[in-house]
């Protein structure tokens, strides 16, 4: 249940995210989830797209620095305490979360997690009967 996430390094200036969104849109690539973090010099756009290989190619053709990382997507009921329970399981298994981001819709939330040990995270979450979202299902949301 691993999902390929793109990380794109962007100059910290107006319009850079717009350019990426337009490039992907023109290539008929959908962004299913994303987050942007920044410092004074550059930003990192992390995103999950409908066609990872094509996105890498079109962005690199436009001279963007792109890397690929494995992440997991956890389904979580959109109610108080649900994420805390899942995070307890992850923490108690000795897994460190490097970063995460989430989106919710109605009664469900989806949490993208970048742990220090992706395989162990998948195993621990499965063992505890938590639901992971496959990449193909994430694109349909």
N, C-alpha and C. Protein backbone atom coordinates (compact mmCIF):
# COMPACT_ATOMS: atom_id res chain seq x y z
N UNK A 1 0.81 -1.19 0.00
CA UNK A 1 0.00 0.00 0.00
C UNK A 1 0.86 1.26 0.00
N UNK A 2 1.98 1.19 -0.66
CA UNK A 2 2.84 2.37 -0.73
C UNK A 2 2.36 3.29 -1.85
N UNK A 3 2.52 4.56 -1.61
CA UNK A 3 2.14 5.57 -2.59
C UNK A 3 3.39 6.37 -2.93
N UNK A 4 3.57 6.65 -4.19
CA UNK A 4 4.70 7.47 -4.64
C UNK A 4 4.32 8.94 -4.51
N UNK A 5 5.14 9.67 -3.77
CA UNK A 5 4.92 11.10 -3.58
C UNK A 5 6.05 11.84 -4.27
N UNK A 6 5.72 12.90 -4.97
CA UNK A 6 6.73 13.74 -5.59
C UNK A 6 7.09 14.88 -4.65
N UNK A 7 8.35 15.23 -4.61
CA UNK A 7 8.81 16.44 -3.92
C UNK A 7 9.47 17.31 -4.97
N UNK A 8 8.99 18.54 -5.07
CA UNK A 8 9.48 19.47 -6.08
C UNK A 8 10.05 20.69 -5.36
N UNK A 9 11.27 21.03 -5.67
CA UNK A 9 11.91 22.19 -5.06
C UNK A 9 11.56 23.43 -5.89
N UNK A 10 11.02 24.43 -5.22
CA UNK A 10 10.56 25.64 -5.88
C UNK A 10 11.28 26.86 -5.32
N UNK A 11 11.65 27.77 -6.19
CA UNK A 11 12.14 29.06 -5.72
C UNK A 11 11.02 29.71 -4.93
N UNK A 12 11.40 30.42 -3.90
CA UNK A 12 10.41 31.08 -3.06
C UNK A 12 10.05 32.43 -3.69
N UNK A 13 9.27 32.35 -4.78
CA UNK A 13 8.82 33.57 -5.44
C UNK A 13 7.43 33.35 -6.02
N UNK A 14 6.74 34.43 -6.21
CA UNK A 14 5.36 34.40 -6.68
C UNK A 14 5.22 33.64 -8.01
N UNK A 15 4.18 32.82 -8.07
CA UNK A 15 3.83 32.16 -9.32
C UNK A 15 4.44 30.79 -9.55
N UNK A 16 5.37 30.36 -8.68
CA UNK A 16 6.02 29.07 -8.92
C UNK A 16 5.04 27.91 -8.77
N UNK A 17 4.20 27.93 -7.74
CA UNK A 17 3.19 26.87 -7.60
C UNK A 17 2.22 26.91 -8.76
N UNK A 18 1.84 28.10 -9.18
CA UNK A 18 0.93 28.25 -10.32
C UNK A 18 1.50 27.58 -11.56
N UNK A 19 2.79 27.77 -11.80
CA UNK A 19 3.44 27.16 -12.95
C UNK A 19 3.35 25.64 -12.90
N UNK A 20 3.63 25.07 -11.74
CA UNK A 20 3.57 23.61 -11.59
C UNK A 20 2.15 23.11 -11.82
N UNK A 21 1.18 23.79 -11.21
CA UNK A 21 -0.22 23.38 -11.38
C UNK A 21 -0.63 23.43 -12.85
N UNK A 22 -0.20 24.44 -13.56
CA UNK A 22 -0.54 24.56 -14.98
C UNK A 22 0.16 23.49 -15.81
N UNK A 23 1.43 23.22 -15.53
CA UNK A 23 2.16 22.18 -16.27
C UNK A 23 1.47 20.84 -16.11
N UNK A 24 1.12 20.50 -14.88
CA UNK A 24 0.46 19.22 -14.64
C UNK A 24 -0.92 19.18 -15.27
N UNK A 25 -1.67 20.27 -15.16
CA UNK A 25 -3.00 20.32 -15.76
C UNK A 25 -2.96 20.16 -17.27
N UNK A 26 -2.02 20.84 -17.91
CA UNK A 26 -1.88 20.73 -19.37
C UNK A 26 -1.48 19.32 -19.80
N UNK A 27 -0.83 18.59 -18.91
CA UNK A 27 -0.44 17.20 -19.20
C UNK A 27 -1.53 16.22 -18.76
N UNK A 28 -2.68 16.74 -18.34
CA UNK A 28 -3.83 15.94 -17.90
C UNK A 28 -3.48 15.07 -16.68
N UNK A 29 -2.70 15.64 -15.77
CA UNK A 29 -2.31 14.96 -14.53
C UNK A 29 -3.03 15.64 -13.38
N UNK A 30 -3.74 14.84 -12.60
CA UNK A 30 -4.49 15.37 -11.46
C UNK A 30 -3.66 15.32 -10.19
N UNK A 31 -3.73 16.40 -9.40
CA UNK A 31 -3.10 16.43 -8.09
C UNK A 31 -4.15 15.97 -7.08
N UNK A 32 -3.91 14.84 -6.44
CA UNK A 32 -4.86 14.29 -5.49
C UNK A 32 -4.67 14.87 -4.09
N UNK A 33 -3.45 15.16 -3.72
CA UNK A 33 -3.14 15.73 -2.41
C UNK A 33 -1.82 16.47 -2.53
N UNK A 34 -1.67 17.54 -1.75
CA UNK A 34 -0.39 18.25 -1.75
C UNK A 34 -0.24 19.09 -0.49
N UNK A 35 1.00 19.43 -0.23
CA UNK A 35 1.34 20.35 0.84
C UNK A 35 2.57 21.13 0.39
N UNK A 36 2.68 22.34 0.90
CA UNK A 36 3.83 23.18 0.58
C UNK A 36 4.46 23.63 1.89
N UNK A 37 5.77 23.47 1.98
CA UNK A 37 6.52 24.02 3.12
C UNK A 37 7.58 24.93 2.53
N UNK A 38 8.00 25.90 3.33
CA UNK A 38 8.94 26.86 2.77
C UNK A 38 9.90 27.36 3.83
N UNK A 39 11.02 27.89 3.34
CA UNK A 39 11.92 28.67 4.17
C UNK A 39 12.21 29.95 3.40
N UNK A 40 13.18 30.69 3.78
CA UNK A 40 13.38 32.00 3.14
C UNK A 40 13.84 31.90 1.69
N UNK A 41 14.48 30.81 1.29
CA UNK A 41 15.03 30.72 -0.06
C UNK A 41 14.24 29.85 -1.02
N UNK A 42 13.60 28.80 -0.52
CA UNK A 42 12.91 27.88 -1.42
C UNK A 42 11.76 27.21 -0.68
N UNK A 43 10.91 26.59 -1.46
CA UNK A 43 9.81 25.82 -0.91
C UNK A 43 9.89 24.39 -1.42
N UNK A 44 9.23 23.51 -0.72
CA UNK A 44 9.12 22.12 -1.17
C UNK A 44 7.64 21.83 -1.33
N UNK A 45 7.27 21.49 -2.54
CA UNK A 45 5.90 21.07 -2.86
C UNK A 45 5.91 19.55 -2.86
N UNK A 46 5.15 18.98 -1.95
CA UNK A 46 5.00 17.53 -1.91
C UNK A 46 3.62 17.21 -2.42
N UNK A 47 3.53 16.29 -3.38
CA UNK A 47 2.22 16.00 -3.94
C UNK A 47 2.10 14.57 -4.42
N UNK A 48 0.86 14.15 -4.47
CA UNK A 48 0.49 12.85 -5.00
C UNK A 48 -0.35 13.12 -6.23
N UNK A 49 0.03 12.47 -7.31
CA UNK A 49 -0.60 12.74 -8.60
C UNK A 49 -1.14 11.47 -9.23
N UNK A 50 -1.97 11.65 -10.23
CA UNK A 50 -2.61 10.52 -10.90
C UNK A 50 -1.67 9.73 -11.81
N UNK A 51 -0.59 10.33 -12.27
CA UNK A 51 0.37 9.65 -13.13
C UNK A 51 1.77 10.10 -12.75
N UNK A 52 2.38 9.37 -11.83
CA UNK A 52 3.68 9.77 -11.26
C UNK A 52 4.76 9.85 -12.33
N UNK A 53 4.90 8.84 -13.15
CA UNK A 53 5.97 8.82 -14.15
C UNK A 53 5.84 9.97 -15.13
N UNK A 54 4.64 10.21 -15.61
CA UNK A 54 4.42 11.30 -16.56
C UNK A 54 4.69 12.65 -15.89
N UNK A 55 4.27 12.80 -14.64
CA UNK A 55 4.51 14.06 -13.93
C UNK A 55 6.00 14.33 -13.78
N UNK A 56 6.75 13.30 -13.41
CA UNK A 56 8.20 13.46 -13.28
C UNK A 56 8.78 13.95 -14.60
N UNK A 57 8.37 13.32 -15.68
CA UNK A 57 8.93 13.66 -16.99
C UNK A 57 8.59 15.09 -17.40
N UNK A 58 7.32 15.48 -17.29
CA UNK A 58 6.95 16.83 -17.75
C UNK A 58 7.58 17.90 -16.87
N UNK A 59 7.71 17.63 -15.58
CA UNK A 59 8.33 18.62 -14.69
C UNK A 59 9.84 18.72 -14.93
N UNK A 60 10.48 17.59 -15.11
CA UNK A 60 11.93 17.62 -15.40
C UNK A 60 12.20 18.26 -16.75
N UNK A 61 11.30 18.05 -17.71
CA UNK A 61 11.44 18.71 -19.01
C UNK A 61 11.42 20.24 -18.86
N UNK A 62 10.74 20.72 -17.83
CA UNK A 62 10.66 22.16 -17.55
C UNK A 62 11.72 22.59 -16.53
N UNK A 63 12.67 21.69 -16.27
CA UNK A 63 13.83 21.93 -15.42
C UNK A 63 13.53 22.07 -13.93
N UNK A 64 12.48 21.40 -13.48
CA UNK A 64 12.20 21.34 -12.04
C UNK A 64 12.96 20.18 -11.43
N UNK A 65 13.47 20.39 -10.22
CA UNK A 65 14.12 19.32 -9.46
C UNK A 65 13.02 18.52 -8.77
N UNK A 66 12.92 17.24 -9.13
CA UNK A 66 11.85 16.38 -8.63
C UNK A 66 12.46 15.12 -8.02
N UNK A 67 12.00 14.75 -6.83
CA UNK A 67 12.40 13.48 -6.24
C UNK A 67 11.14 12.70 -5.88
N UNK A 68 11.30 11.39 -5.69
CA UNK A 68 10.17 10.50 -5.40
C UNK A 68 10.41 9.82 -4.06
N UNK A 69 9.37 9.78 -3.23
CA UNK A 69 9.44 9.18 -1.91
C UNK A 69 8.22 8.29 -1.71
N UNK A 70 8.40 7.18 -1.00
CA UNK A 70 7.27 6.34 -0.62
C UNK A 70 6.61 6.90 0.64
N UNK A 71 5.29 6.96 0.60
CA UNK A 71 4.49 7.36 1.76
C UNK A 71 3.33 6.38 1.89
N UNK A 72 2.61 6.47 3.00
CA UNK A 72 1.39 5.69 3.18
C UNK A 72 0.24 6.65 3.40
N UNK A 73 -0.94 6.21 3.03
CA UNK A 73 -2.15 7.00 3.25
C UNK A 73 -3.08 6.21 4.15
N UNK A 74 -3.36 6.75 5.31
CA UNK A 74 -4.20 6.12 6.30
C UNK A 74 -5.61 6.67 6.22
N UNK A 75 -6.59 5.79 6.14
CA UNK A 75 -7.99 6.20 6.28
C UNK A 75 -8.25 6.36 7.78
N UNK A 76 -8.92 7.43 8.13
CA UNK A 76 -9.20 7.70 9.53
C UNK A 76 -10.60 8.31 9.61
N UNK A 77 -11.47 7.81 10.47
CA UNK A 77 -12.76 8.46 10.63
C UNK A 77 -12.55 9.93 11.01
N UNK A 78 -13.35 10.80 10.46
CA UNK A 78 -13.22 12.23 10.72
C UNK A 78 -13.98 12.57 12.00
N UNK A 79 -13.40 12.13 13.11
CA UNK A 79 -14.00 12.38 14.41
C UNK A 79 -12.91 12.52 15.46
N UNK A 80 -13.18 13.24 16.55
CA UNK A 80 -12.16 13.46 17.57
C UNK A 80 -11.58 12.15 18.11
N UNK A 81 -10.27 12.12 18.24
CA UNK A 81 -9.58 10.97 18.83
C UNK A 81 -9.10 9.92 17.86
N UNK A 82 -9.65 9.88 16.66
CA UNK A 82 -9.28 8.83 15.71
C UNK A 82 -7.81 8.89 15.32
N UNK A 83 -7.34 10.06 14.99
CA UNK A 83 -5.93 10.18 14.60
C UNK A 83 -5.02 9.90 15.79
N UNK A 84 -5.40 10.34 16.97
CA UNK A 84 -4.60 10.08 18.16
C UNK A 84 -4.39 8.59 18.40
N UNK A 85 -5.44 7.79 18.19
CA UNK A 85 -5.34 6.34 18.36
C UNK A 85 -4.36 5.75 17.34
N UNK A 86 -4.46 6.19 16.10
CA UNK A 86 -3.55 5.69 15.06
C UNK A 86 -2.11 6.10 15.35
N UNK A 87 -1.92 7.33 15.80
CA UNK A 87 -0.58 7.80 16.09
C UNK A 87 0.01 7.08 17.30
N UNK A 88 -0.83 6.71 18.26
CA UNK A 88 -0.36 5.91 19.40
C UNK A 88 0.22 4.59 18.91
N UNK A 89 -0.46 3.95 17.99
CA UNK A 89 0.00 2.67 17.44
C UNK A 89 1.36 2.85 16.76
N UNK A 90 1.48 3.90 15.96
CA UNK A 90 2.73 4.17 15.25
C UNK A 90 3.85 4.47 16.23
N UNK A 91 3.58 5.34 17.18
CA UNK A 91 4.60 5.73 18.16
C UNK A 91 5.03 4.55 19.02
N UNK A 92 4.07 3.77 19.49
CA UNK A 92 4.39 2.61 20.34
C UNK A 92 5.18 1.54 19.59
N UNK A 93 5.13 1.56 18.27
CA UNK A 93 5.91 0.62 17.47
C UNK A 93 7.33 1.13 17.23
N UNK A 94 7.64 2.31 17.78
CA UNK A 94 8.98 2.86 17.62
C UNK A 94 9.22 3.52 16.29
N UNK A 95 8.15 3.91 15.61
CA UNK A 95 8.26 4.53 14.29
C UNK A 95 8.27 6.04 14.46
N UNK A 96 9.19 6.69 13.78
CA UNK A 96 9.28 8.15 13.80
C UNK A 96 8.60 8.69 12.54
N UNK A 97 7.74 9.67 12.71
CA UNK A 97 7.06 10.30 11.57
C UNK A 97 7.84 11.55 11.19
N UNK A 98 8.37 11.56 9.98
CA UNK A 98 9.14 12.70 9.50
C UNK A 98 8.23 13.89 9.21
N UNK A 99 7.10 13.62 8.56
CA UNK A 99 6.09 14.63 8.32
C UNK A 99 4.81 13.95 7.90
N UNK A 100 3.72 14.70 7.94
CA UNK A 100 2.44 14.18 7.47
C UNK A 100 1.54 15.36 7.11
N UNK A 101 0.54 15.06 6.31
CA UNK A 101 -0.48 16.04 5.96
C UNK A 101 -1.77 15.29 5.72
N UNK A 102 -2.87 16.00 5.79
CA UNK A 102 -4.16 15.32 5.74
C UNK A 102 -5.20 16.16 5.02
N UNK A 103 -6.24 15.48 4.61
CA UNK A 103 -7.42 16.16 4.08
C UNK A 103 -8.64 15.34 4.48
N UNK A 104 -9.74 16.03 4.68
CA UNK A 104 -10.96 15.32 5.08
C UNK A 104 -12.10 15.72 4.15
N UNK A 105 -13.06 14.82 4.10
CA UNK A 105 -14.26 15.06 3.31
C UNK A 105 -15.38 14.29 3.99
N UNK A 106 -16.34 15.02 4.50
CA UNK A 106 -17.45 14.37 5.17
C UNK A 106 -17.01 13.60 6.40
N UNK A 107 -17.36 12.33 6.45
CA UNK A 107 -17.06 11.49 7.61
C UNK A 107 -15.69 10.84 7.59
N UNK A 108 -14.91 11.07 6.55
CA UNK A 108 -13.62 10.41 6.46
C UNK A 108 -12.48 11.41 6.31
N UNK A 109 -11.34 11.01 6.80
CA UNK A 109 -10.12 11.79 6.64
C UNK A 109 -9.05 10.86 6.07
N UNK A 110 -8.13 11.44 5.35
CA UNK A 110 -7.02 10.68 4.76
C UNK A 110 -5.74 11.38 5.18
N UNK A 111 -4.86 10.61 5.78
CA UNK A 111 -3.64 11.15 6.34
C UNK A 111 -2.44 10.57 5.59
N UNK A 112 -1.68 11.43 4.94
CA UNK A 112 -0.48 11.02 4.24
C UNK A 112 0.65 11.05 5.26
N UNK A 113 1.34 9.93 5.41
CA UNK A 113 2.38 9.81 6.43
C UNK A 113 3.71 9.42 5.78
N UNK A 114 4.76 10.16 6.13
CA UNK A 114 6.12 9.82 5.72
C UNK A 114 6.88 9.39 6.98
N UNK A 115 6.89 8.07 7.25
CA UNK A 115 7.60 7.57 8.43
C UNK A 115 9.05 7.23 8.08
N UNK A 116 9.84 7.02 9.12
CA UNK A 116 11.23 6.63 8.88
C UNK A 116 11.35 5.18 8.40
N UNK A 117 10.31 4.38 8.61
CA UNK A 117 10.31 3.00 8.15
C UNK A 117 8.93 2.69 7.55
N UNK A 118 8.83 2.84 6.25
CA UNK A 118 7.54 2.71 5.56
C UNK A 118 6.99 1.29 5.67
N UNK A 119 7.84 0.30 5.45
CA UNK A 119 7.37 -1.09 5.47
C UNK A 119 6.85 -1.48 6.85
N UNK A 120 7.58 -1.10 7.89
CA UNK A 120 7.15 -1.41 9.25
C UNK A 120 5.84 -0.70 9.57
N UNK A 121 5.68 0.51 9.09
CA UNK A 121 4.44 1.26 9.32
C UNK A 121 3.26 0.54 8.69
N UNK A 122 3.41 0.09 7.46
CA UNK A 122 2.34 -0.66 6.79
C UNK A 122 1.99 -1.91 7.59
N UNK A 123 3.00 -2.64 8.01
CA UNK A 123 2.79 -3.87 8.77
C UNK A 123 2.06 -3.59 10.08
N UNK A 124 2.50 -2.59 10.82
CA UNK A 124 1.90 -2.28 12.12
C UNK A 124 0.45 -1.81 11.96
N UNK A 125 0.19 -0.99 10.97
CA UNK A 125 -1.17 -0.51 10.77
C UNK A 125 -2.09 -1.65 10.34
N UNK A 126 -1.61 -2.52 9.46
CA UNK A 126 -2.41 -3.69 9.07
C UNK A 126 -2.68 -4.60 10.26
N UNK A 127 -1.65 -4.86 11.05
CA UNK A 127 -1.80 -5.72 12.22
C UNK A 127 -2.84 -5.18 13.19
N UNK A 128 -3.00 -3.88 13.22
CA UNK A 128 -3.96 -3.24 14.13
C UNK A 128 -5.29 -2.92 13.44
N UNK A 129 -5.50 -3.53 12.28
CA UNK A 129 -6.77 -3.44 11.54
C UNK A 129 -7.13 -2.02 11.11
N UNK A 130 -6.10 -1.18 10.86
CA UNK A 130 -6.36 0.14 10.33
C UNK A 130 -6.31 0.06 8.81
N UNK A 131 -7.04 0.93 8.16
CA UNK A 131 -7.19 0.88 6.71
C UNK A 131 -6.22 1.82 6.03
N UNK A 132 -5.45 1.26 5.10
CA UNK A 132 -4.58 2.06 4.26
C UNK A 132 -5.23 2.22 2.90
N UNK A 133 -5.04 3.37 2.32
CA UNK A 133 -5.62 3.68 1.02
C UNK A 133 -4.58 3.42 -0.05
N UNK A 134 -4.96 2.67 -1.07
CA UNK A 134 -4.06 2.41 -2.20
C UNK A 134 -4.01 3.65 -3.10
N UNK A 135 -2.93 3.79 -3.83
CA UNK A 135 -2.77 4.94 -4.71
C UNK A 135 -3.94 5.05 -5.68
N UNK A 136 -4.35 3.95 -6.27
CA UNK A 136 -5.45 3.99 -7.25
C UNK A 136 -6.75 4.48 -6.62
N UNK A 137 -6.98 4.16 -5.36
CA UNK A 137 -8.19 4.63 -4.68
C UNK A 137 -8.08 6.10 -4.29
N UNK A 138 -6.88 6.54 -3.97
CA UNK A 138 -6.68 7.93 -3.59
C UNK A 138 -6.98 8.86 -4.76
N UNK A 139 -6.65 8.44 -5.96
CA UNK A 139 -6.87 9.27 -7.14
C UNK A 139 -8.37 9.44 -7.43
N UNK A 140 -9.20 8.52 -6.92
CA UNK A 140 -10.64 8.58 -7.17
C UNK A 140 -11.37 9.50 -6.20
N UNK A 141 -10.70 9.87 -5.10
CA UNK A 141 -11.36 10.67 -4.07
C UNK A 141 -11.65 12.07 -4.55
